[in-house]
Structures are given as structure tokens and as C-alpha cells.
Amino acid sequence: MEHLEQKSLYIPRDLYRKAASDPLLNGCLPKIFGRFSGVNDHYMMREYGAEEHILIYCLAGKGWVSSGEKHQPVIKGDLLLIPAHLRHEYGADPEDPWSIYWCHATGEFIEECSRRISQRSLNPVDSKEPENYAILPSTISPQLLSRFQEMFKIAERSLSMLELLKLSELYRSVLLEALQLQVTRSETVSIIDAVYHYFEEHLHESITLEELASQVSMSKYHFSRVFSQQTGMSPIECFIRFKMQYACSLLDTENSPISEIAAVVGYQDPYYFSRIFKKMIGYSPQRYRLMEKG
């Protein structure tokens, strides 16, 4: 039988009030911690948002989160940050309910981290755009998991000011890791976009791995690894796919000889082009041109 658990822990009110005026704590002051496991009807809706920022770490199973027109699934390893005062709903998947750690906290440090995570920036953000929630995909990180477990252990005890300082330190470390994860992911997306643009501008040429890596100021080994992790293929294989897709477009819209189309996408030997085209597309250029499409 599946183990069900719902547990919420509040920082004692008198300690919380005292900590709210402490300069070491008022930038990042945890208030409530919780742990839910296997509860298939777990659901929360806050029309006007929460007074605090909410952090949820999904350990297993699935859930979902929604705000306005934005609706997304939450899966194992995801870290979800919901800014204070944002209308939101979230809940467990009824078939595979999530197991989560969650916590609420307030403070200027959290507000700033939330803003930078939302805008994917390590630098201060001066933006009037409304913040929305952020989901940071990851895997179950041993470091993140141990921090949440430690925070929960501390919150279960009869807290002292010293332990509340430790809680604040752990919460800050989770947010900083989340910020770095979000920015790194954004930078990787920017790298891929830049390479795709370079592909489109050089379809008529042959390019090397070294040339592509230099466009994004990376070593060819690091670039190749990052690119392959994000796209599932090597940079050169992806470039050839771009060429073949453009060749498909030309075959659909022009009556030029195959040899001319081959030259447009950088192949002076039409027979070699035809072999590559068939390998990628599944048909020879001649057969592809005759096929009904749409």
C-alpha cells in the first residue's frame, strides 16, 4: 500500500516576529514548510496569491501548476518557484500523484532572486513586466534534496534563532542554485539559436566544427557536447538536416534541375547530394519532387 503523508510545519509566531526585524534574517525569512507524498487529491488555489514566495521541489510523481493562461506539468526533479501575490493553482496528478517538499518565505533577497529567475538574468533586473511562476527542470539533485531534507529536519525541532539562521542559509542556497540553473539553461538556448542562425546564413557552404564553435566562443569539444545534449545530434549532422530541409523547400517550389538545387545547398556533386538527401529524407530528390504533399 502506498504511503500517504501530509505534514505542515510553521515557524513559531513569537520567533517569526522577532526574526522579521533581524537584519540577518529579514532578507530571507522562511515561514512554513511542508511535505506531501502520494496525496492524489492535493489541490491548492489562491485567487490573490500567497503573502510569501512559494518553493516546491518534486521528488517523485507528477503534478501541475497554472496561472492565467499559463499551464504546465510538474515532474520529478522540477523546482517550482511561485512569486508572492501571484494568482495560481497547483495540484497532484490523480494517476501518479507527486511527492513534494514545499516552503513559504518572505524577504527582499527572495524577491530579487524571484525577479532574476523570471527574467533569466544573473544581473539586477529593472523590468516592469509582471513576474510569473518558473519551473526549473533538473534531475533529482543530491545537493538540493539534502538541503530540503535538512530544512525540514530543522523545522521539525523546537527552533531557536540560531536554527532559524541555518534555515535561512539553506533557503538562500537553494534559490541561488535555482538562479544559476535558470540562467545557464537560458544561455544554452541562446547558443543554439545563434548556431541555427549561422546555419541558415551558410547553407550554400561547407563549415567545420571549429568554425561553429568559434561563433559562440567555445572550444570545439565543449561546444559539441553542449549542442548534442540539447539537440540530440551533432552540430554537423544538424547542419546537414538544415540543408536537406531547405532542399525540400526548393524541390517543392522550383523546377530547377537537381544539380542546381544541390549546388544551392553546397553540394557540387549531385550524386553525393542525392545519397545524403535519401538518407535524411527517406526518398531520392526525384521521388520526393513527384510525391503529393499536404
Protein backbone atom coordinates (compact mmCIF):
# COMPACT_ATOMS: atom_id res chain seq x y z
CA MET A 1 0.00 0.00 0.00
CA GLU A 2 1.33 3.44 -0.97
CA HIS A 3 2.48 5.62 1.90
CA LEU A 4 0.45 8.82 2.18
CA GLU A 5 1.73 11.83 4.04
CA GLN A 6 0.66 15.40 4.62
CA LYS A 7 2.71 17.43 7.05
CA SER A 8 2.99 21.19 7.56
CA LEU A 9 5.39 22.93 9.95
CA TYR A 10 5.08 26.59 10.97
CA ILE A 11 7.84 28.73 12.44
CA PRO A 12 6.59 29.69 15.94
CA ARG A 13 4.84 33.08 15.80
CA ASP A 14 6.92 34.75 18.53
CA LEU A 15 10.17 33.62 16.91
CA TYR A 16 8.98 34.72 13.48
CA ARG A 17 8.11 38.22 14.74
CA LYS A 18 11.48 38.57 16.41
CA ALA A 19 13.31 37.33 13.28
CA ALA A 20 11.40 39.72 11.00
CA SER A 21 13.34 42.67 12.44
CA ASP A 22 16.72 40.90 12.43
CA PRO A 23 18.96 42.24 9.61
CA LEU A 24 20.47 38.77 9.18
CA LEU A 25 17.05 37.25 8.51
CA ASN A 26 14.68 39.81 7.06
CA GLY A 27 16.10 39.37 3.55
CA CYS A 28 15.19 35.66 3.54
CA LEU A 29 12.83 34.56 6.27
CA PRO A 30 11.23 31.09 5.99
CA LYS A 31 7.73 30.81 7.46
CA ILE A 32 6.12 27.45 6.60
CA PHE A 33 7.49 24.08 5.49
CA GLY A 34 5.60 21.05 4.25
CA ARG A 35 5.94 17.59 2.80
CA PHE A 36 3.22 15.85 0.81
CA SER A 37 3.53 12.32 -0.55
CA GLY A 38 1.11 10.29 -2.68
CA VAL A 39 -1.94 12.50 -1.99
CA ASN A 40 -3.88 12.27 -5.26
CA ASP A 41 -6.42 14.96 -4.36
CA HIS A 42 -3.82 17.54 -3.33
CA TYR A 43 -5.02 20.84 -4.79
CA MET A 44 -4.47 24.50 -3.96
CA MET A 45 -5.94 27.65 -5.49
CA ARG A 46 -5.11 31.17 -4.31
CA GLU A 47 -7.11 33.85 -6.10
CA TYR A 48 -4.84 36.64 -4.87
CA GLY A 49 -1.68 34.61 -4.44
CA ALA A 50 0.17 33.96 -1.20
CA GLU A 51 1.75 36.57 1.05
CA GLU A 52 5.02 34.67 0.71
CA HIS A 53 7.05 33.29 -2.16
CA ILE A 54 6.49 29.53 -2.60
CA LEU A 55 9.16 26.98 -3.44
CA ILE A 56 8.17 23.41 -4.40
CA TYR A 57 10.57 20.56 -5.11
CA CYS A 58 9.06 17.48 -6.82
CA LEU A 59 10.70 14.28 -5.59
CA ALA A 60 8.52 11.78 -7.47
CA GLY A 61 5.29 11.52 -9.42
CA LYS A 62 3.62 14.34 -11.31
CA GLY A 63 1.65 17.50 -10.69
CA TRP A 64 0.72 20.69 -12.48
CA VAL A 65 0.69 24.45 -11.98
CA SER A 66 -1.40 27.17 -13.58
CA SER A 67 -1.58 30.96 -13.57
CA GLY A 68 -3.75 32.86 -16.04
CA GLU A 69 -3.30 31.26 -19.46
CA LYS A 70 -0.02 29.58 -18.47
CA HIS A 71 -0.47 25.91 -17.52
CA GLN A 72 2.38 23.43 -17.19
CA PRO A 73 3.07 19.94 -15.86
CA VAL A 74 5.49 19.43 -12.99
CA ILE A 75 7.52 16.22 -12.93
CA LYS A 76 10.17 14.51 -10.83
CA GLY A 77 13.21 16.74 -10.37
CA ASP A 78 11.40 20.01 -11.16
CA LEU A 79 11.89 23.00 -8.90
CA LEU A 80 8.87 25.34 -8.95
CA LEU A 81 9.03 28.96 -7.77
CA ILE A 82 5.80 30.95 -7.41
CA PRO A 83 6.20 34.68 -6.63
CA ALA A 84 4.21 36.27 -3.82
CA HIS A 85 0.79 37.76 -4.70
CA LEU A 86 0.55 35.84 -8.00
CA ARG A 87 -2.83 34.19 -8.60
CA HIS A 88 -2.15 30.49 -9.03
CA GLU A 89 -3.41 26.93 -8.83
CA TYR A 90 -1.48 23.72 -8.47
CA GLY A 91 -2.17 20.12 -7.66
CA ALA A 92 -1.18 16.48 -7.88
CA ASP A 93 -1.74 14.27 -10.89
CA PRO A 94 -4.58 11.90 -9.85
CA GLU A 95 -2.97 8.88 -11.56
CA ASP A 96 0.60 9.47 -10.41
CA PRO A 97 0.42 11.98 -7.51
CA TRP A 98 3.55 13.92 -6.76
CA SER A 99 5.70 13.75 -3.65
CA ILE A 100 6.97 17.22 -2.79
CA TYR A 101 8.76 19.41 -0.31
CA TRP A 102 7.33 22.92 -0.20
CA CYS A 103 8.12 26.06 1.72
CA HIS A 104 6.94 29.65 2.03
CA ALA A 105 9.31 32.53 2.78
CA THR A 106 9.50 36.32 2.58
CA GLY A 107 12.21 38.93 2.18
CA GLU A 108 13.97 41.21 -0.27
CA PHE A 109 16.59 38.59 -1.13
CA ILE A 110 13.83 36.20 -2.23
CA GLU A 111 12.03 38.93 -4.18
CA GLU A 112 15.21 39.78 -6.06
CA CYS A 113 16.05 36.14 -6.78
CA SER A 114 12.49 35.56 -8.00
CA ARG A 115 12.75 38.58 -10.32
CA ARG A 116 16.09 37.47 -11.77
CA ILE A 117 14.92 33.88 -12.21
CA SER A 118 11.82 35.14 -14.02
CA GLN A 119 13.99 37.30 -16.33
CA ARG A 120 16.83 34.72 -16.60
CA SER A 121 19.49 37.19 -15.51
CA LEU A 122 22.35 36.99 -13.02
CA ASN A 123 22.45 40.79 -13.01
CA PRO A 124 19.98 43.21 -11.39
CA VAL A 125 16.77 43.48 -13.40
CA ASP A 126 14.89 46.72 -13.93
CA SER A 127 11.71 45.38 -15.51
CA LYS A 128 8.08 46.33 -15.13
CA GLU A 129 6.92 43.04 -16.61
CA PRO A 130 4.77 41.05 -14.16
CA GLU A 131 6.51 38.01 -12.78
CA ASN A 132 5.10 34.56 -13.37
CA TYR A 133 5.99 31.24 -11.85
CA ALA A 134 9.14 29.48 -13.03
CA ILE A 135 9.72 25.74 -13.42
CA LEU A 136 13.36 24.73 -13.45
CA PRO A 137 13.78 21.24 -14.89
CA SER A 138 16.57 19.21 -13.41
CA THR A 139 17.14 15.73 -12.13
CA ILE A 140 16.85 14.74 -8.50
CA SER A 141 19.94 16.59 -7.33
CA PRO A 142 21.57 15.04 -4.24
CA GLN A 143 22.60 18.54 -3.13
CA LEU A 144 19.10 20.02 -3.49
CA LEU A 145 17.48 17.01 -1.89
CA SER A 146 19.81 17.11 1.12
CA ARG A 147 19.09 20.84 1.59
CA PHE A 148 15.33 20.31 1.63
CA GLN A 149 15.69 17.33 3.98
CA GLU A 150 17.87 19.40 6.32
CA MET A 151 15.44 22.34 6.24
CA PHE A 152 12.58 20.01 7.11
CA LYS A 153 14.53 18.42 9.98
CA ILE A 154 15.34 21.82 11.44
CA ALA A 155 11.73 22.99 11.11
CA GLU A 156 10.53 19.85 12.97
CA ARG A 157 12.60 20.77 16.03
CA SER A 158 11.86 23.38 18.65
CA LEU A 159 13.50 26.26 16.83
CA SER A 160 16.00 28.72 18.18
CA MET A 161 17.28 31.86 16.49
CA LEU A 162 20.46 30.00 15.56
CA GLU A 163 18.48 27.26 13.81
CA LEU A 164 16.36 29.84 12.01
CA LEU A 165 19.57 31.38 10.68
CA LYS A 166 20.57 27.95 9.39
CA LEU A 167 17.17 27.59 7.71
CA SER A 168 17.60 30.96 6.03
CA GLU A 169 21.09 30.00 4.82
CA LEU A 170 19.81 26.74 3.30
CA TYR A 171 16.87 28.50 1.63
CA ARG A 172 19.22 31.09 0.13
CA SER A 173 21.49 28.36 -1.23
CA VAL A 174 18.53 26.66 -2.94
CA LEU A 175 17.46 29.93 -4.58
CA LEU A 176 20.98 30.74 -5.76
CA GLU A 177 21.31 27.29 -7.31
CA ALA A 178 17.91 27.78 -8.97
CA LEU A 179 19.03 31.12 -10.39
CA GLN A 180 22.25 29.66 -11.77
CA LEU A 181 20.31 26.74 -13.29
CA GLN A 182 17.82 29.08 -14.98
CA VAL A 183 20.49 31.41 -16.37
CA THR A 184 22.69 28.54 -17.59
CA ARG A 185 19.73 26.98 -19.38
CA SER A 186 18.86 30.33 -20.97
CA GLU A 187 22.45 30.86 -22.11
CA THR A 188 22.46 27.40 -23.68
CA VAL A 189 19.26 28.19 -25.59
CA SER A 190 20.88 31.42 -26.83
CA ILE A 191 23.89 29.45 -28.06
CA ILE A 192 21.69 27.02 -30.00
CA ASP A 193 19.69 29.90 -31.51
CA ALA A 194 22.91 31.61 -32.62
CA VAL A 195 24.17 28.43 -34.27
CA TYR A 196 20.84 27.86 -36.04
CA HIS A 197 21.01 31.39 -37.41
CA TYR A 198 24.56 30.73 -38.65
CA PHE A 199 23.33 27.55 -40.34
CA GLU A 200 20.64 29.48 -42.20
CA GLU A 201 23.15 32.08 -43.40
CA HIS A 202 25.63 29.48 -44.72
CA LEU A 203 23.50 26.74 -46.29
CA HIS A 204 25.43 27.08 -49.56
CA GLU A 205 28.77 26.42 -47.85
CA SER A 206 30.67 23.69 -46.07
CA ILE A 207 31.50 24.54 -42.47
CA THR A 208 33.64 22.88 -39.83
CA LEU A 209 33.10 22.15 -36.16
CA GLU A 210 35.89 24.58 -35.29
CA GLU A 211 34.16 27.32 -37.28
CA LEU A 212 30.85 26.76 -35.48
CA ALA A 213 32.50 26.68 -32.05
CA SER A 214 34.27 29.95 -32.75
CA GLN A 215 30.93 31.63 -33.46
CA VAL A 216 29.91 31.09 -29.82
CA SER A 217 33.42 31.45 -28.32
CA MET A 218 33.67 27.86 -27.11
CA SER A 219 36.19 25.07 -27.60
CA LYS A 220 35.00 22.61 -30.23
CA TYR A 221 34.82 19.80 -27.65
CA HIS A 222 32.72 21.74 -25.16
CA PHE A 223 30.52 23.17 -27.91
CA SER A 224 29.92 19.75 -29.44
CA ARG A 225 28.96 18.28 -26.07
CA VAL A 226 26.57 21.14 -25.18
CA PHE A 227 24.98 21.13 -28.63
CA SER A 228 24.48 17.35 -28.67
CA GLN A 229 22.95 17.37 -25.17
CA GLN A 230 20.42 19.99 -26.22
CA THR A 231 19.52 18.74 -29.71
CA GLY A 232 20.24 15.00 -29.65
CA MET A 233 22.56 15.24 -32.67
CA SER A 234 26.00 16.52 -33.56
CA PRO A 235 26.38 20.08 -34.90
CA ILE A 236 27.43 18.88 -38.36
CA GLU A 237 24.54 16.39 -38.57
CA CYS A 238 22.16 19.18 -37.63
CA PHE A 239 23.66 21.47 -40.29
CA ILE A 240 23.12 18.78 -42.93
CA ARG A 241 19.49 18.47 -41.79
CA PHE A 242 19.08 22.23 -42.29
CA LYS A 243 20.49 21.84 -45.83
CA MET A 244 18.17 18.96 -46.67
CA GLN A 245 15.10 20.75 -45.31
CA TYR A 246 15.95 23.76 -47.47
CA ALA A 247 16.46 21.46 -50.44
CA CYS A 248 12.97 20.04 -49.79
CA SER A 249 11.58 23.57 -49.90
CA LEU A 250 13.31 24.24 -53.23
CA LEU A 251 12.07 20.96 -54.68
CA ASP A 252 8.53 21.90 -53.64
CA THR A 253 8.60 25.39 -55.11
CA GLU A 254 11.04 25.42 -58.05
CA ASN A 255 11.56 23.49 -61.26
CA SER A 256 15.35 23.83 -61.21
CA PRO A 257 17.42 20.74 -62.08
CA ILE A 258 18.54 18.60 -59.14
CA SER A 259 22.13 19.59 -59.83
CA GLU A 260 21.32 23.29 -59.34
CA ILE A 261 19.46 22.63 -56.11
CA ALA A 262 22.40 20.55 -54.91
CA ALA A 263 24.73 23.46 -55.62
CA VAL A 264 22.48 25.92 -53.76
CA VAL A 265 22.89 23.84 -50.58
CA GLY A 266 26.63 23.41 -51.04
CA TYR A 267 26.97 20.12 -52.95
CA GLN A 268 28.85 20.29 -56.27
CA ASP A 269 28.37 16.56 -56.82
CA PRO A 270 24.62 15.95 -57.42
CA TYR A 271 25.00 12.20 -56.95
CA TYR A 272 26.52 12.65 -53.49
CA PHE A 273 23.77 15.16 -52.68
CA SER A 274 21.13 12.61 -53.76
CA ARG A 275 22.62 9.94 -51.45
CA ILE A 276 22.63 12.31 -48.48
CA PHE A 277 19.12 13.52 -49.29
CA LYS A 278 17.73 9.97 -49.44
CA LYS A 279 19.48 9.02 -46.22
CA MET A 280 17.98 12.03 -44.38
CA ILE A 281 14.54 12.31 -46.00
CA GLY A 282 13.88 8.69 -46.97
CA TYR A 283 13.34 9.36 -50.69
CA SER A 284 15.53 10.42 -53.59
CA PRO A 285 15.17 14.08 -54.66
CA GLN A 286 13.45 12.93 -57.87
CA ARG A 287 10.94 10.77 -56.00
CA TYR A 288 10.34 13.49 -53.39
CA ARG A 289 9.56 16.06 -56.08
CA LEU A 290 6.87 13.78 -57.58
CA MET A 291 5.16 12.99 -54.28
CA GLU A 292 1.82 14.52 -53.31
CA LYS A 293 2.17 16.64 -50.24
CA GLY A 294 -0.23 18.24 -47.80
